[in-house]
Amino acid sequence: MAKPKMIRQTPAEAVIEIFGGGAALAQHLGCHRTRIYRWTMPIDKRGTGGRLPGTVHADLLALAARLKKPEVTPELLINGRLVRAKR
């Protein structure tokens, strides 16, 4: 059997997926959803290029603890994660 193809999700893509989408994450953090989606935009389009601003790391870790999302770790917030490619 062939190995499944793996792709790397950026930290922004990973946390948005884990928390159920950008709008849901924005509601939990108390900010506008465009702030969340800006994390996924390239730097040349005034985004963060998939990186999470350091100012939200503590908030995301506290939210993950409150919502029981153990997959959200400091390492995930910096490096992202490997996931199976969708077919």
PDB file of N, CA and C in Angstrom:
ATOM      1  N   MET A   1       0.842  -1.174   0.000  1.00  0.00           N
ATOM      2  CA  MET A   1       0.000   0.000   0.000  1.00  0.00           C
ATOM      3  C   MET A   1       0.894   1.247   0.000  1.00  0.00           C
ATOM      4  N   ALA A   2       0.517   2.230  -0.783  1.00  0.00           N
ATOM      5  CA  ALA A   2       1.307   3.455  -0.898  1.00  0.00           C
ATOM      6  C   ALA A   2       1.161   4.315   0.355  1.00  0.00           C
ATOM      7  N   LYS A   3       2.256   4.998   0.683  1.00  0.00           N
ATOM      8  CA  LYS A   3       2.212   5.924   1.811  1.00  0.00           C
ATOM      9  C   LYS A   3       1.332   7.112   1.445  1.00  0.00           C
ATOM     10  N   PRO A   4       0.511   7.573   2.384  1.00  0.00           N
ATOM     11  CA  PRO A   4      -0.298   8.757   2.082  1.00  0.00           C
ATOM     12  C   PRO A   4       0.607   9.985   1.941  1.00  0.00           C
ATOM     13  N   LYS A   5       0.250  10.853   1.013  1.00  0.00           N
ATOM     14  CA  LYS A   5       1.025  12.074   0.815  1.00  0.00           C
ATOM     15  C   LYS A   5       0.737  13.034   1.965  1.00  0.00           C
ATOM     16  N   MET A   6       1.819  13.571   2.534  1.00  0.00           N
ATOM     17  CA  MET A   6       1.688  14.494   3.658  1.00  0.00           C
ATOM     18  C   MET A   6       2.057  15.905   3.195  1.00  0.00           C
ATOM     19  N   ILE A   7       1.342  16.886   3.717  1.00  0.00           N
ATOM     20  CA  ILE A   7       1.662  18.287   3.445  1.00  0.00           C
ATOM     21  C   ILE A   7       1.806  19.012   4.775  1.00  0.00           C
ATOM     22  N   ARG A   8       2.552  20.101   4.764  1.00  0.00           N
ATOM     23  CA  ARG A   8       2.734  20.890   5.978  1.00  0.00           C
ATOM     24  C   ARG A   8       1.721  22.022   5.993  1.00  0.00           C
ATOM     25  N   GLN A   9       0.945  22.073   7.071  1.00  0.00           N
ATOM     26  CA  GLN A   9       0.045  23.200   7.297  1.00  0.00           C
ATOM     27  C   GLN A   9       0.813  24.277   8.035  1.00  0.00           C
ATOM     28  N   THR A  10       0.569  25.509   7.657  1.00  0.00           N
ATOM     29  CA  THR A  10       1.161  26.613   8.406  1.00  0.00           C
ATOM     30  C   THR A  10       0.496  26.666   9.776  1.00  0.00           C
ATOM     31  N   PRO A  11       1.132  27.335  10.728  1.00  0.00           N
ATOM     32  CA  PRO A  11       0.485  27.480  12.037  1.00  0.00           C
ATOM     33  C   PRO A  11      -0.913  28.094  11.929  1.00  0.00           C
ATOM     34  N   ALA A  12      -1.065  29.083  11.060  1.00  0.00           N
ATOM     35  CA  ALA A  12      -2.372  29.736  10.911  1.00  0.00           C
ATOM     36  C   ALA A  12      -3.413  28.755  10.382  1.00  0.00           C
ATOM     37  N   GLU A  13      -3.077  28.002   9.339  1.00  0.00           N
ATOM     38  CA  GLU A  13      -4.018  27.029   8.788  1.00  0.00           C
ATOM     39  C   GLU A  13      -4.405  25.989   9.834  1.00  0.00           C
ATOM     40  N   ALA A  14      -3.421  25.545  10.603  1.00  0.00           N
ATOM     41  CA  ALA A  14      -3.676  24.511  11.608  1.00  0.00           C
ATOM     42  C   ALA A  14      -4.635  24.997  12.684  1.00  0.00           C
ATOM     43  N   VAL A  15      -4.385  26.172  13.263  1.00  0.00           N
ATOM     44  CA  VAL A  15      -5.265  26.620  14.353  1.00  0.00           C
ATOM     45  C   VAL A  15      -6.647  26.977  13.838  1.00  0.00           C
ATOM     46  N   ILE A  16      -6.732  27.516  12.643  1.00  0.00           N
ATOM     47  CA  ILE A  16      -8.052  27.822  12.077  1.00  0.00           C
ATOM     48  C   ILE A  16      -8.850  26.535  11.908  1.00  0.00           C
ATOM     49  N   GLU A  17      -8.215  25.486  11.412  1.00  0.00           N
ATOM     50  CA  GLU A  17      -8.897  24.200  11.247  1.00  0.00           C
ATOM     51  C   GLU A  17      -9.287  23.590  12.597  1.00  0.00           C
ATOM     52  N   ILE A  18      -8.383  23.600  13.548  1.00  0.00           N
ATOM     53  CA  ILE A  18      -8.635  22.994  14.858  1.00  0.00           C
ATOM     54  C   ILE A  18      -9.802  23.665  15.576  1.00  0.00           C
ATOM     55  N   PHE A  19      -9.894  24.992  15.469  1.00  0.00           N
ATOM     56  CA  PHE A  19     -10.946  25.712  16.186  1.00  0.00           C
ATOM     57  C   PHE A  19     -12.236  25.862  15.376  1.00  0.00           C
ATOM     58  N   GLY A  20     -12.326  25.209  14.219  1.00  0.00           N
ATOM     59  CA  GLY A  20     -13.579  25.186  13.479  1.00  0.00           C
ATOM     60  C   GLY A  20     -13.793  26.315  12.498  1.00  0.00           C
ATOM     61  N   GLY A  21     -12.727  26.956  12.059  1.00  0.00           N
ATOM     62  CA  GLY A  21     -12.840  28.014  11.057  1.00  0.00           C
ATOM     63  C   GLY A  21     -12.463  29.378  11.611  1.00  0.00           C
ATOM     64  N   GLY A  22     -12.211  30.281  10.679  1.00  0.00           N
ATOM     65  CA  GLY A  22     -11.771  31.617  11.055  1.00  0.00           C
ATOM     66  C   GLY A  22     -12.809  32.415  11.810  1.00  0.00           C
ATOM     67  N   ALA A  23     -14.059  32.301  11.398  1.00  0.00           N
ATOM     68  CA  ALA A  23     -15.116  33.061  12.065  1.00  0.00           C
ATOM     69  C   ALA A  23     -15.298  32.571  13.500  1.00  0.00           C
ATOM     70  N   ALA A  24     -15.275  31.257  13.694  1.00  0.00           N
ATOM     71  CA  ALA A  24     -15.423  30.708  15.044  1.00  0.00           C
ATOM     72  C   ALA A  24     -14.250  31.110  15.926  1.00  0.00           C
ATOM     73  N   LEU A  25     -13.044  31.055  15.375  1.00  0.00           N
ATOM     74  CA  LEU A  25     -11.863  31.437  16.142  1.00  0.00           C
ATOM     75  C   LEU A  25     -11.903  32.916  16.507  1.00  0.00           C
ATOM     76  N   ALA A  26     -12.319  33.744  15.559  1.00  0.00           N
ATOM     77  CA  ALA A  26     -12.431  35.182  15.829  1.00  0.00           C
ATOM     78  C   ALA A  26     -13.433  35.450  16.952  1.00  0.00           C
ATOM     79  N   GLN A  27     -14.533  34.719  16.941  1.00  0.00           N
ATOM     80  CA  GLN A  27     -15.541  34.905  17.983  1.00  0.00           C
ATOM     81  C   GLN A  27     -14.965  34.523  19.349  1.00  0.00           C
ATOM     82  N   HIS A  28     -14.228  33.423  19.399  1.00  0.00           N
ATOM     83  CA  HIS A  28     -13.613  32.998  20.660  1.00  0.00           C
ATOM     84  C   HIS A  28     -12.593  34.020  21.167  1.00  0.00           C
ATOM     85  N   LEU A  29     -11.847  34.612  20.235  1.00  0.00           N
ATOM     86  CA  LEU A  29     -10.801  35.565  20.622  1.00  0.00           C
ATOM     87  C   LEU A  29     -11.330  36.986  20.799  1.00  0.00           C
ATOM     88  N   GLY A  30     -12.556  37.222  20.352  1.00  0.00           N
ATOM     89  CA  GLY A  30     -13.146  38.546  20.492  1.00  0.00           C
ATOM     90  C   GLY A  30     -12.593  39.559  19.508  1.00  0.00           C
ATOM     91  N   CYS A  31     -12.306  39.101  18.289  1.00  0.00           N
ATOM     92  CA  CYS A  31     -11.807  40.015  17.256  1.00  0.00           C
ATOM     93  C   CYS A  31     -12.586  39.783  15.967  1.00  0.00           C
ATOM     94  N   HIS A  32     -12.341  40.616  14.973  1.00  0.00           N
ATOM     95  CA  HIS A  32     -13.022  40.473  13.693  1.00  0.00           C
ATOM     96  C   HIS A  32     -12.395  39.337  12.901  1.00  0.00           C
ATOM     97  N   ARG A  33     -13.204  38.637  12.110  1.00  0.00           N
ATOM     98  CA  ARG A  33     -12.698  37.474  11.363  1.00  0.00           C
ATOM     99  C   ARG A  33     -11.622  37.838  10.346  1.00  0.00           C
ATOM    100  N   THR A  34     -11.608  39.068   9.862  1.00  0.00           N
ATOM    101  CA  THR A  34     -10.565  39.444   8.908  1.00  0.00           C
ATOM    102  C   THR A  34      -9.183  39.427   9.548  1.00  0.00           C
ATOM    103  N   ARG A  35      -9.129  39.671  10.849  1.00  0.00           N
ATOM    104  CA  ARG A  35      -7.845  39.591  11.554  1.00  0.00           C
ATOM    105  C   ARG A  35      -7.302  38.163  11.475  1.00  0.00           C
ATOM    106  N   ILE A  36      -8.176  37.186  11.645  1.00  0.00           N
ATOM    107  CA  ILE A  36      -7.769  35.786  11.593  1.00  0.00           C
ATOM    108  C   ILE A  36      -7.343  35.406  10.174  1.00  0.00           C
ATOM    109  N   TYR A  37      -8.136  35.769   9.182  1.00  0.00           N
ATOM    110  CA  TYR A  37      -7.806  35.395   7.803  1.00  0.00           C
ATOM    111  C   TYR A  37      -6.552  36.104   7.296  1.00  0.00           C
ATOM    112  N   ARG A  38      -6.221  37.247   7.872  1.00  0.00           N
ATOM    113  CA  ARG A  38      -4.999  37.948   7.490  1.00  0.00           C
ATOM    114  C   ARG A  38      -3.770  37.090   7.797  1.00  0.00           C
ATOM    115  N   TRP A  39      -3.869  36.223   8.794  1.00  0.00           N
ATOM    116  CA  TRP A  39      -2.753  35.337   9.134  1.00  0.00           C
ATOM    117  C   TRP A  39      -2.420  34.387   7.988  1.00  0.00           C
ATOM    118  N   THR A  40      -3.398  34.071   7.150  1.00  0.00           N
ATOM    119  CA  THR A  40      -3.173  33.115   6.060  1.00  0.00           C
ATOM    120  C   THR A  40      -2.694  33.787   4.775  1.00  0.00           C
ATOM    121  N   MET A  41      -2.763  35.092   4.712  1.00  0.00           N
ATOM    122  CA  MET A  41      -2.401  35.812   3.489  1.00  0.00           C
ATOM    123  C   MET A  41      -0.893  35.986   3.371  1.00  0.00           C
ATOM    124  N   PRO A  42      -0.390  36.056   2.128  1.00  0.00           N
ATOM    125  CA  PRO A  42       1.040  36.280   1.940  1.00  0.00           C
ATOM    126  C   PRO A  42       1.473  37.640   2.501  1.00  0.00           C
ATOM    127  N   ILE A  43       2.719  37.722   2.855  1.00  0.00           N
ATOM    128  CA  ILE A  43       3.250  38.960   3.433  1.00  0.00           C
ATOM    129  C   ILE A  43       3.113  40.132   2.470  1.00  0.00           C
ATOM    130  N   ASP A  44       3.313  39.870   1.166  1.00  0.00           N
ATOM    131  CA  ASP A  44       3.224  40.973   0.197  1.00  0.00           C
ATOM    132  C   ASP A  44       1.795  41.486   0.020  1.00  0.00           C
ATOM    133  N   LYS A  45       0.815  40.773   0.561  1.00  0.00           N
ATOM    134  CA  LYS A  45      -0.572  41.233   0.532  1.00  0.00           C
ATOM    135  C   LYS A  45      -1.024  41.676   1.928  1.00  0.00           C
ATOM    136  N   ARG A  46      -0.046  42.054   2.748  1.00  0.00           N
ATOM    137  CA  ARG A  46      -0.265  42.577   4.095  1.00  0.00           C
ATOM    138  C   ARG A  46      -0.760  41.524   5.078  1.00  0.00           C
ATOM    139  N   GLY A  47      -0.419  40.264   4.801  1.00  0.00           N
ATOM    140  CA  GLY A  47      -0.729  39.186   5.727  1.00  0.00           C
ATOM    141  C   GLY A  47       0.516  38.816   6.521  1.00  0.00           C
ATOM    142  N   THR A  48       0.442  37.689   7.206  1.00  0.00           N
ATOM    143  CA  THR A  48       1.590  37.227   7.994  1.00  0.00           C
ATOM    144  C   THR A  48       2.269  36.019   7.360  1.00  0.00           C
ATOM    145  N   GLY A  49       1.787  35.580   6.216  1.00  0.00           N
ATOM    146  CA  GLY A  49       2.422  34.465   5.523  1.00  0.00           C
ATOM    147  C   GLY A  49       2.234  33.129   6.230  1.00  0.00           C
ATOM    148  N   GLY A  50       1.165  32.978   6.978  1.00  0.00           N
ATOM    149  CA  GLY A  50       0.895  31.723   7.677  1.00  0.00           C
ATOM    150  C   GLY A  50       1.403  31.681   9.101  1.00  0.00           C
ATOM    151  N   ARG A  51       2.154  32.682   9.495  1.00  0.00           N
ATOM    152  CA  ARG A  51       2.662  32.731  10.872  1.00  0.00           C
ATOM    153  C   ARG A  51       1.636  33.390  11.775  1.00  0.00           C
ATOM    154  N   LEU A  52       1.684  32.987  13.038  1.00  0.00           N
ATOM    155  CA  LEU A  52       0.788  33.582  14.033  1.00  0.00           C
ATOM    156  C   LEU A  52       1.526  34.690  14.766  1.00  0.00           C
ATOM    157  N   PRO A  53       0.893  35.846  14.943  1.00  0.00           N
ATOM    158  CA  PRO A  53       1.542  36.902  15.709  1.00  0.00           C
ATOM    159  C   PRO A  53       1.826  36.421  17.135  1.00  0.00           C
ATOM    160  N   GLY A  54       2.974  36.763  17.644  1.00  0.00           N
ATOM    161  CA  GLY A  54       3.343  36.367  19.000  1.00  0.00           C
ATOM    162  C   GLY A  54       2.378  36.874  20.051  1.00  0.00           C
ATOM    163  N   THR A  55       1.670  37.941  19.737  1.00  0.00           N
ATOM    164  CA  THR A  55       0.737  38.523  20.701  1.00  0.00           C
ATOM    165  C   THR A  55      -0.487  37.651  20.952  1.00  0.00           C
ATOM    166  N   VAL A  56      -0.740  36.662  20.087  1.00  0.00           N
ATOM    167  CA  VAL A  56      -1.920  35.806  20.280  1.00  0.00           C
ATOM    168  C   VAL A  56      -1.578  34.419  20.806  1.00  0.00           C
ATOM    169  N   HIS A  57      -0.302  34.090  20.933  1.00  0.00           N
ATOM    170  CA  HIS A  57       0.086  32.746  21.371  1.00  0.00           C
ATOM    171  C   HIS A  57      -0.519  32.394  22.730  1.00  0.00           C
ATOM    172  N   ALA A  58      -0.376  33.258  23.703  1.00  0.00           N
ATOM    173  CA  ALA A  58      -0.907  32.974  25.049  1.00  0.00           C
ATOM    174  C   ALA A  58      -2.424  32.836  25.014  1.00  0.00           C
ATOM    175  N   ASP A  59      -3.091  33.699  24.244  1.00  0.00           N
ATOM    176  CA  ASP A  59      -4.552  33.618  24.136  1.00  0.00           C
ATOM    177  C   ASP A  59      -4.984  32.297  23.505  1.00  0.00           C
ATOM    178  N   LEU A  60      -4.269  31.859  22.468  1.00  0.00           N
ATOM    179  CA  LEU A  60      -4.612  30.604  21.801  1.00  0.00           C
ATOM    180  C   LEU A  60      -4.380  29.402  22.714  1.00  0.00           C
ATOM    181  N   LEU A  61      -3.297  29.416  23.464  1.00  0.00           N
ATOM    182  CA  LEU A  61      -3.033  28.307  24.389  1.00  0.00           C
ATOM    183  C   LEU A  61      -4.075  28.260  25.508  1.00  0.00           C
ATOM    184  N   ALA A  62      -4.473  29.420  26.021  1.00  0.00           N
ATOM    185  CA  ALA A  62      -5.506  29.468  27.061  1.00  0.00           C
ATOM    186  C   ALA A  62      -6.854  29.000  26.501  1.00  0.00           C
ATOM    187  N   LEU A  63      -7.181  29.426  25.290  1.00  0.00           N
ATOM    188  CA  LEU A  63      -8.421  29.002  24.644  1.00  0.00           C
ATOM    189  C   LEU A  63      -8.414  27.494  24.413  1.00  0.00           C
ATOM    190  N   ALA A  64      -7.293  26.964  23.960  1.00  0.00           N
ATOM    191  CA  ALA A  64      -7.181  25.521  23.725  1.00  0.00           C
ATOM    192  C   ALA A  64      -7.373  24.741  25.017  1.00  0.00           C
ATOM    193  N   ALA A  65      -6.828  25.230  26.109  1.00  0.00           N
ATOM    194  CA  ALA A  65      -6.997  24.565  27.397  1.00  0.00           C
ATOM    195  C   ALA A  65      -8.460  24.600  27.829  1.00  0.00           C
ATOM    196  N   ARG A  66      -9.092  25.743  27.635  1.00  0.00           N
ATOM    197  CA  ARG A  66     -10.498  25.892  28.036  1.00  0.00           C
ATOM    198  C   ARG A  66     -11.424  24.997  27.207  1.00  0.00           C
ATOM    199  N   LEU A  67     -11.120  24.874  25.894  1.00  0.00           N
ATOM    200  CA  LEU A  67     -11.968  24.078  25.001  1.00  0.00           C
ATOM    201  C   LEU A  67     -11.497  22.634  24.858  1.00  0.00           C
ATOM    202  N   LYS A  68     -10.474  22.271  25.634  1.00  0.00           N
ATOM    203  CA  LYS A  68      -9.922  20.914  25.619  1.00  0.00           C
ATOM    204  C   LYS A  68      -9.462  20.500  24.221  1.00  0.00           C
ATOM    205  N   LYS A  69      -8.530  21.273  23.692  1.00  0.00           N
ATOM    206  CA  LYS A  69      -7.909  21.005  22.389  1.00  0.00           C
ATOM    207  C   LYS A  69      -6.428  20.715  22.627  1.00  0.00           C
ATOM    208  N   PRO A  70      -6.086  19.492  23.066  1.00  0.00           N
ATOM    209  CA  PRO A  70      -4.696  19.195  23.428  1.00  0.00           C
ATOM    210  C   PRO A  70      -3.719  19.246  22.258  1.00  0.00           C
ATOM    211  N   GLU A  71      -4.226  19.219  21.026  1.00  0.00           N
ATOM    212  CA  GLU A  71      -3.337  19.273  19.875  1.00  0.00           C
ATOM    213  C   GLU A  71      -2.716  20.657  19.663  1.00  0.00           C
ATOM    214  N   VAL A  72      -3.266  21.671  20.337  1.00  0.00           N
ATOM    215  CA  VAL A  72      -2.704  23.019  20.239  1.00  0.00           C
ATOM    216  C   VAL A  72      -1.578  23.135  21.270  1.00  0.00           C
ATOM    217  N   THR A  73      -0.363  23.197  20.758  1.00  0.00           N
ATOM    218  CA  THR A  73       0.831  23.259  21.599  1.00  0.00           C
ATOM    219  C   THR A  73       1.680  24.453  21.166  1.00  0.00           C
ATOM    220  N   PRO A  74       2.626  24.871  22.000  1.00  0.00           N
ATOM    221  CA  PRO A  74       3.527  25.946  21.571  1.00  0.00           C
ATOM    222  C   PRO A  74       4.269  25.583  20.269  1.00  0.00           C
ATOM    223  N   GLU A  75       4.633  24.323  20.116  1.00  0.00           N
ATOM    224  CA  GLU A  75       5.315  23.893  18.888  1.00  0.00           C
ATOM    225  C   GLU A  75       4.422  24.073  17.664  1.00  0.00           C
ATOM    226  N   LEU A  76       3.144  23.734  17.777  1.00  0.00           N
ATOM    227  CA  LEU A  76       2.209  23.908  16.667  1.00  0.00           C
ATOM    228  C   LEU A  76       2.097  25.381  16.287  1.00  0.00           C
ATOM    229  N   LEU A  77       2.069  26.255  17.289  1.00  0.00           N
ATOM    230  CA  LEU A  77       1.904  27.686  17.021  1.00  0.00           C
ATOM    231  C   LEU A  77       3.105  28.277  16.300  1.00  0.00           C
ATOM    232  N   ILE A  78       4.243  27.600  16.363  1.00  0.00           N
ATOM    233  CA  ILE A  78       5.448  28.099  15.698  1.00  0.00           C
ATOM    234  C   ILE A  78       5.731  27.355  14.397  1.00  0.00           C
ATOM    235  N   ASN A  79       5.596  26.018  14.415  1.00  0.00           N
ATOM    236  CA  ASN A  79       6.022  25.204  13.271  1.00  0.00           C
ATOM    237  C   ASN A  79       4.903  24.700  12.378  1.00  0.00           C
ATOM    238  N   GLY A  80       3.673  24.731  12.820  1.00  0.00           N
ATOM    239  CA  GLY A  80       2.598  24.125  12.045  1.00  0.00           C
ATOM    240  C   GLY A  80       2.596  22.621  12.263  1.00  0.00           C
ATOM    241  N   ARG A  81       2.024  21.874  11.303  1.00  0.00           N
ATOM    242  CA  ARG A  81       1.957  20.415  11.447  1.00  0.00           C
ATOM    243  C   ARG A  81       1.846  19.744  10.086  1.00  0.00           C
ATOM    244  N   LEU A  82       2.154  18.455  10.077  1.00  0.00           N
ATOM    245  CA  LEU A  82       1.986  17.641   8.894  1.00  0.00           C
ATOM    246  C   LEU A  82       0.598  17.007   8.922  1.00  0.00           C
ATOM    247  N   VAL A  83      -0.097  17.041   7.794  1.00  0.00           N
ATOM    248  CA  VAL A  83      -1.407  16.414   7.672  1.00  0.00           C
ATOM    249  C   VAL A  83      -1.470  15.667   6.352  1.00  0.00           C
ATOM    250  N   ARG A  84      -2.374  14.739   6.261  1.00  0.00           N
ATOM    251  CA  ARG A  84      -2.577  14.027   4.996  1.00  0.00           C
ATOM    252  C   ARG A  84      -3.149  14.983   3.964  1.00  0.00           C
ATOM    253  N   ALA A  85      -2.641  14.886   2.757  1.00  0.00           N
ATOM    254  CA  ALA A  85      -3.153  15.696   1.661  1.00  0.00           C
ATOM    255  C   ALA A  85      -4.565  15.238   1.317  1.00  0.00           C
ATOM    256  N   LYS A  86      -5.438  16.183   1.062  1.00  0.00           N
ATOM    257  CA  LYS A  86      -6.801  15.827   0.653  1.00  0.00           C
ATOM    258  C   LYS A  86      -6.772  15.408  -0.802  1.00  0.00           C
ATOM    259  N   ARG A  87      -7.565  14.430  -1.108  1.00  0.00           N
ATOM    260  CA  ARG A  87      -7.596  13.913  -2.493  1.00  0.00           C
ATOM    261  C   ARG A  87      -8.399  14.777  -3.393  1.00  0.00           C
TER     262      ARG A  87
END
